[in-house]
Amino acid sequence: SLSLDDRLQEIERSIIVDALTKTGGVQTRATELLGINQRSLWHRIKKLNIDVKGTKNLEM
């Protein structure tokens, strides 16, 4: 069973990956969708080990 922190990180990661996919990996547009600033998004991408390149050209 996952701890609350682990589950919250999974949810946060999923939301960020979804926003990046919807914007073709364009972080500026993803920040607008998420309502956070670029520094915050960059920190979360690093913390959650998200592959931004893997989200490019998936949707748009």
C-alpha atoms as a PDB file:
ATOM      1  CA  SER A   1       0.000   0.000   0.000  1.00  0.00           C
ATOM      2  CA  LEU A   2       1.311   3.420  -0.957  1.00  0.00           C
ATOM      3  CA  SER A   3       1.659   6.205   1.575  1.00  0.00           C
ATOM      4  CA  LEU A   4      -0.357   9.390   1.199  1.00  0.00           C
ATOM      5  CA  ASP A   5       2.737  11.257  -0.035  1.00  0.00           C
ATOM      6  CA  ASP A   6       3.426   8.601  -2.682  1.00  0.00           C
ATOM      7  CA  ARG A   7      -0.179   8.674  -3.869  1.00  0.00           C
ATOM      8  CA  LEU A   8      -0.210  12.483  -4.017  1.00  0.00           C
ATOM      9  CA  GLN A   9       3.018  12.467  -6.036  1.00  0.00           C
ATOM     10  CA  GLU A  10       1.489   9.991  -8.498  1.00  0.00           C
ATOM     11  CA  ILE A  11      -1.568  12.233  -8.908  1.00  0.00           C
ATOM     12  CA  GLU A  12       0.554  15.383  -9.288  1.00  0.00           C
ATOM     13  CA  ARG A  13       2.779  13.654 -11.853  1.00  0.00           C
ATOM     14  CA  SER A  14      -0.238  12.497 -13.846  1.00  0.00           C
ATOM     15  CA  ILE A  15      -1.749  16.004 -13.912  1.00  0.00           C
ATOM     16  CA  ILE A  16       1.532  17.599 -15.031  1.00  0.00           C
ATOM     17  CA  VAL A  17       2.186  14.970 -17.724  1.00  0.00           C
ATOM     18  CA  ASP A  18      -1.385  15.454 -18.985  1.00  0.00           C
ATOM     19  CA  ALA A  19      -0.905  19.237 -19.215  1.00  0.00           C
ATOM     20  CA  LEU A  20       2.443  18.833 -20.990  1.00  0.00           C
ATOM     21  CA  THR A  21       0.922  16.332 -23.420  1.00  0.00           C
ATOM     22  CA  LYS A  22      -1.983  18.664 -24.184  1.00  0.00           C
ATOM     23  CA  THR A  23       0.461  21.490 -24.930  1.00  0.00           C
ATOM     24  CA  GLY A  24       2.901  19.401 -26.953  1.00  0.00           C
ATOM     25  CA  GLY A  25       5.553  19.754 -24.255  1.00  0.00           C
ATOM     26  CA  VAL A  26       5.386  23.573 -24.270  1.00  0.00           C
ATOM     27  CA  GLN A  27       6.025  24.370 -20.616  1.00  0.00           C
ATOM     28  CA  THR A  28       4.806  27.983 -20.813  1.00  0.00           C
ATOM     29  CA  ARG A  29       1.409  26.835 -22.051  1.00  0.00           C
ATOM     30  CA  ALA A  30       1.324  24.040 -19.476  1.00  0.00           C
ATOM     31  CA  THR A  31       1.860  26.578 -16.669  1.00  0.00           C
ATOM     32  CA  GLU A  32      -1.150  28.521 -17.933  1.00  0.00           C
ATOM     33  CA  LEU A  33      -3.292  25.366 -17.909  1.00  0.00           C
ATOM     34  CA  LEU A  34      -2.109  24.440 -14.426  1.00  0.00           C
ATOM     35  CA  GLY A  35      -2.262  27.950 -12.967  1.00  0.00           C
ATOM     36  CA  ILE A  36       1.313  27.816 -11.653  1.00  0.00           C
ATOM     37  CA  ASN A  37       4.473  29.740 -12.531  1.00  0.00           C
ATOM     38  CA  GLN A  38       7.327  28.380 -14.647  1.00  0.00           C
ATOM     39  CA  ARG A  39       9.701  28.012 -11.705  1.00  0.00           C
ATOM     40  CA  SER A  40       7.137  25.908  -9.859  1.00  0.00           C
ATOM     41  CA  LEU A  41       6.551  23.697 -12.904  1.00  0.00           C
ATOM     42  CA  TRP A  42      10.294  23.265 -13.470  1.00  0.00           C
ATOM     43  CA  HIS A  43      10.782  22.296  -9.802  1.00  0.00           C
ATOM     44  CA  ARG A  44       7.960  19.738  -9.971  1.00  0.00           C
ATOM     45  CA  ILE A  45       9.216  18.288 -13.270  1.00  0.00           C
ATOM     46  CA  LYS A  46      12.620  17.781 -11.663  1.00  0.00           C
ATOM     47  CA  LYS A  47      11.219  16.459  -8.354  1.00  0.00           C
ATOM     48  CA  LEU A  48       8.895  13.985 -10.086  1.00  0.00           C
ATOM     49  CA  ASN A  49      11.467  12.997 -12.743  1.00  0.00           C
ATOM     50  CA  ILE A  50       9.151  13.819 -15.657  1.00  0.00           C
ATOM     51  CA  ASP A  51      10.515  13.368 -19.185  1.00  0.00           C
ATOM     52  CA  VAL A  52       9.303  16.532 -20.942  1.00  0.00           C
ATOM     53  CA  LYS A  53      10.723  15.350 -24.278  1.00  0.00           C
ATOM     54  CA  GLY A  54       8.446  12.325 -24.049  1.00  0.00           C
ATOM     55  CA  THR A  55       5.385  14.598 -24.011  1.00  0.00           C
ATOM     56  CA  LYS A  56       6.231  16.533 -27.179  1.00  0.00           C
ATOM     57  CA  ASN A  57       4.172  15.930 -30.307  1.00  0.00           C
ATOM     58  CA  LEU A  58       1.838  13.477 -28.580  1.00  0.00           C
ATOM     59  CA  GLU A  59      -1.299  15.553 -28.959  1.00  0.00           C
ATOM     60  CA  MET A  60      -1.879  19.229 -29.839  1.00  0.00           C
END
